[in-house]
């Protein structure tokens, strides 16, 4: 059983108070983001009236690409985009996180599941 009020409070602290770059560095990001995806899907199915649309553009990145769009990028383009994502997450402010929580969570999850090096950029 899930207490939706507690979930909202936990979501606030995870999105607004913690640096996602720290989650990535410590290895906790894949665990949190997979859990949130599962909870989000369940909430979407059970409470469609509580769904909102988040930002589609972020400062320093521009339009936030979907995972499928990123898989179709050429290696040089993917590497440049990945570097932008890292810079944005390292400097995200609390106000920005409040305005666009899902967009920043998406960026963090992309970084958590990406394997990028100088020779190959792979967003799979």
Foldseek 3Di string as FASTA:
>chain_A
DDDVVVVVVVLLCVQQPDQLVVCLVVLNLVVVLVVVVVVVVVCCVPPVVPDDDFDQQDPQQGGQDDLVVLQPDDQVVNVVNLVSLVVCSVDPHSVNSVRGVVSNSRSSNQNNQWDHDPPGGHSD
